[in-house]
Protein backbone atom coordinates (compact mmCIF):
# COMPACT_ATOMS: atom_id res chain seq x y z
CA UNK A 1 -23.57 5.59 22.76
CA UNK A 2 -21.97 6.39 19.40
CA UNK A 3 -18.23 6.74 19.00
CA UNK A 4 -18.74 10.38 18.05
CA UNK A 5 -20.47 11.04 21.37
CA UNK A 6 -17.76 9.40 23.44
CA UNK A 7 -14.88 10.61 21.30
CA UNK A 8 -13.06 7.30 21.80
CA UNK A 9 -12.86 4.00 19.93
CA UNK A 10 -11.51 0.71 21.23
CA UNK A 11 -8.87 -1.30 19.42
CA UNK A 12 -7.84 -4.80 20.36
CA UNK A 13 -5.86 -7.46 18.58
CA UNK A 14 -4.67 -10.92 19.50
CA UNK A 15 -1.70 -12.43 17.67
CA UNK A 16 0.13 -15.53 18.83
CA UNK A 17 -1.30 -15.41 22.32
CA UNK A 18 -0.36 -11.74 22.81
CA UNK A 19 -3.15 -9.20 23.19
CA UNK A 20 -2.65 -5.51 22.59
CA UNK A 21 -5.28 -2.83 22.84
CA UNK A 22 -5.97 0.78 23.41
CA UNK A 23 -8.27 3.67 22.83
CA UNK A 24 -8.04 5.99 19.84
CA UNK A 25 -9.78 9.30 19.46
CA UNK A 26 -12.59 9.54 16.91
CA UNK A 27 -10.55 12.12 15.01
CA UNK A 28 -8.18 9.27 14.12
CA UNK A 29 -10.44 8.49 11.16
CA UNK A 30 -9.44 11.82 9.61
CA UNK A 31 -5.76 10.97 9.97
CA UNK A 32 -6.26 7.54 8.41
CA UNK A 33 -8.10 9.26 5.55
CA UNK A 34 -5.24 11.75 5.21
CA UNK A 35 -2.69 8.93 5.03
CA UNK A 36 -4.75 7.15 2.36
CA UNK A 37 -5.11 10.30 0.26
CA UNK A 38 -1.46 11.31 0.70
CA UNK A 39 -0.18 7.92 -0.47
CA UNK A 40 -2.80 7.83 -3.21
CA UNK A 41 -1.71 11.18 -4.58
CA UNK A 42 1.99 10.35 -4.29
CA UNK A 43 1.63 7.06 -6.15
CA UNK A 44 -0.83 8.32 -8.78
CA UNK A 45 1.42 11.29 -9.52
CA UNK A 46 4.55 9.15 -9.64
CA UNK A 47 2.92 6.62 -11.97
CA UNK A 48 1.47 9.33 -14.21
CA UNK A 49 4.81 11.11 -14.60
CA UNK A 50 6.53 7.82 -15.43
CA UNK A 51 3.88 6.97 -18.05
CA UNK A 52 3.97 10.40 -19.70
CA UNK A 53 7.74 10.83 -19.43
CA UNK A 54 10.88 8.80 -19.87
CA UNK A 55 10.99 5.71 -17.66
CA UNK A 56 13.30 2.73 -17.94
CA UNK A 57 13.76 0.27 -15.10
CA UNK A 58 16.81 -1.51 -16.54
CA UNK A 59 19.46 0.92 -15.34
CA UNK A 60 18.01 1.09 -11.85
CA UNK A 61 17.72 -2.68 -11.53
CA UNK A 62 21.20 -3.32 -12.90
CA UNK A 63 23.10 -0.71 -10.93
CA UNK A 64 21.25 0.21 -7.74
CA UNK A 65 22.11 -2.75 -5.57
CA UNK A 66 25.62 -3.56 -6.76
CA UNK A 67 27.59 -1.03 -4.70
CA UNK A 68 25.77 -0.61 -1.42
CA UNK A 69 26.09 -3.97 0.36
CA UNK A 70 22.53 -4.90 -0.50
CA UNK A 71 21.62 -8.44 0.61
CA UNK A 72 19.54 -8.81 -2.57
CA UNK A 73 22.22 -7.52 -4.96
CA UNK A 74 22.20 -10.78 -6.92
CA UNK A 75 18.43 -10.69 -7.36
CA UNK A 76 18.50 -7.08 -8.59
CA UNK A 77 21.38 -7.88 -10.96
CA UNK A 78 19.37 -10.82 -12.36
CA UNK A 79 16.27 -8.62 -12.76
CA UNK A 80 18.30 -5.92 -14.54
CA UNK A 81 19.99 -8.38 -16.91
CA UNK A 82 16.85 -10.33 -17.82
CA UNK A 83 15.21 -8.63 -20.82
CA UNK A 84 11.69 -9.95 -20.25
CA UNK A 85 11.79 -8.83 -16.60
CA UNK A 86 13.02 -5.35 -17.51
CA UNK A 87 10.16 -5.03 -20.02
CA UNK A 88 7.72 -6.26 -17.37
CA UNK A 89 9.07 -3.72 -14.84
CA UNK A 90 8.87 -0.94 -17.46
CA UNK A 91 5.11 -1.49 -17.56
CA UNK A 92 4.35 -2.82 -14.06
CA UNK A 93 6.03 -0.04 -12.10
CA UNK A 94 4.39 3.02 -13.69
CA UNK A 95 0.96 1.47 -14.22
CA UNK A 96 1.12 -0.26 -10.83
CA UNK A 97 1.87 3.06 -9.15
CA UNK A 98 -0.93 4.77 -11.07
CA UNK A 99 -3.56 2.14 -10.26
CA UNK A 100 -2.48 1.85 -6.62
CA UNK A 101 -2.73 5.62 -6.34
CA UNK A 102 -6.14 5.82 -8.00
CA UNK A 103 -7.49 2.99 -5.84
CA UNK A 104 -6.38 4.82 -2.71
CA UNK A 105 -7.69 8.20 -3.90
CA UNK A 106 -11.21 6.91 -4.55
CA UNK A 107 -11.10 4.37 -1.72
CA UNK A 108 -11.74 1.29 -3.88
CA UNK A 109 -10.05 -2.07 -3.27
CA UNK A 110 -7.89 -0.28 -0.70
CA UNK A 111 -6.46 -3.36 1.00
CA UNK A 112 -5.43 -4.81 -2.35
CA UNK A 113 -3.90 -1.50 -3.43
CA UNK A 114 -2.15 -1.08 -0.07
CA UNK A 115 -0.76 -4.61 -0.23
CA UNK A 116 0.81 -3.98 -3.64
CA UNK A 117 1.97 -0.53 -2.53
CA UNK A 118 3.69 -2.09 0.49
CA UNK A 119 5.23 -4.75 -1.77
CA UNK A 120 6.57 -2.06 -4.11
CA UNK A 121 7.96 -0.11 -1.16
CA UNK A 122 9.65 -3.27 0.14
CA UNK A 123 11.36 -3.71 -3.23
CA UNK A 124 12.34 -0.01 -3.27
CA UNK A 125 13.64 -0.44 0.29
CA UNK A 126 16.01 -3.18 -0.83
CA UNK A 127 16.82 -1.41 -4.08
CA UNK A 128 17.75 1.78 -2.23
CA UNK A 129 19.54 -0.14 0.53
CA UNK A 130 21.48 2.23 2.77
CA UNK A 131 22.32 1.53 6.38
CA UNK A 132 23.78 5.01 6.95
CA UNK A 133 20.89 5.81 9.30
CA UNK A 134 20.00 2.29 10.37
CA UNK A 135 17.27 0.04 9.08
CA UNK A 136 14.58 2.71 8.91
CA UNK A 137 14.38 4.97 5.87
CA UNK A 138 11.61 6.64 3.87
CA UNK A 139 10.83 3.53 1.84
CA UNK A 140 10.40 1.49 5.02
CA UNK A 141 8.20 4.20 6.56
CA UNK A 142 5.99 4.36 3.45
CA UNK A 143 5.66 0.57 3.53
CA UNK A 144 4.34 0.86 7.10
CA UNK A 145 1.93 3.63 6.04
CA UNK A 146 0.51 1.32 3.36
CA UNK A 147 0.11 -1.45 5.92
CA UNK A 148 -1.62 0.95 8.34
CA UNK A 149 -4.00 2.11 5.60
CA UNK A 150 -4.88 -1.52 4.94
CA UNK A 151 -5.21 -2.43 8.62
CA UNK A 152 -7.52 0.49 9.39
CA UNK A 153 -9.77 -0.30 6.41
CA UNK A 154 -9.26 3.21 5.08
CA UNK A 155 -11.44 2.56 2.02
CA UNK A 156 -14.49 2.63 4.27
CA UNK A 157 -13.70 6.20 5.33
CA UNK A 158 -15.20 8.44 2.63
CA UNK A 159 -14.31 5.80 0.06
CA UNK A 160 -16.01 3.51 -2.41
CA UNK A 161 -15.22 0.32 -0.49
CA UNK A 162 -18.10 0.96 1.91
CA UNK A 163 -20.49 0.94 -1.07
CA UNK A 164 -18.83 -1.97 -2.85
CA UNK A 165 -19.01 -4.11 0.31
CA UNK A 166 -22.73 -3.38 0.73
CA UNK A 167 -23.69 -3.89 -2.92
CA UNK A 168 -26.78 -6.11 -3.01
CA UNK A 169 -26.34 -9.44 -4.79
CA UNK A 170 -29.49 -11.55 -4.60
CA UNK A 171 -30.54 -10.28 -1.16
CA UNK A 172 -27.04 -10.46 0.34
CA UNK A 173 -24.28 -7.92 0.47
CA UNK A 174 -21.33 -8.60 -1.79
CA UNK A 175 -19.11 -9.40 1.21
CA UNK A 176 -21.70 -11.75 2.73
CA UNK A 177 -21.92 -13.63 -0.54
CA UNK A 178 -18.14 -13.63 -1.15
CA UNK A 179 -16.44 -13.37 2.28
CA UNK A 180 -12.95 -13.51 0.79
CA UNK A 181 -13.54 -9.99 -0.59
CA UNK A 182 -13.06 -8.67 2.95
CA UNK A 183 -9.33 -9.20 2.43
CA UNK A 184 -9.12 -6.85 -0.56
CA UNK A 185 -11.78 -4.28 0.33
CA UNK A 186 -11.62 -1.86 3.22
């Protein structure tokens, strides 16, 4: 019986001897797609506006963490006072956001894009450190959305990853020939 007929899909995961599982409705695929597209648009738009406008990471890196009790204040101060790192961030942040967003929008290399999106959100989380509402804030929530998009292989849902994975290379699919690609596609 297909999952569309039953309306339910099984999930199960084992980590460190602990097993969790449950049933999700088949409509969940639409919500995973919506999360992928939402984050894709948000990051592509943010990157595009930084590229076409005024963007400078130095002020943010130098000043953001100094006054809010951030546990990584020293690291951010070093990043903001190191010229080569500021120049790197001036390019990496806007183009990284743009490429992460485009990857998510078209569903190509989604796990790779989601990994780097989660990494960026982790850095923003520490950069925007504020315990006024506890440990959870928007940056932390977006990081979890990126991780969910990666975990649910959202690039296979109306995305290019399903075609990239099945690309024929000498009688084998690309993923059969290069199994490590499973970690960046999906």
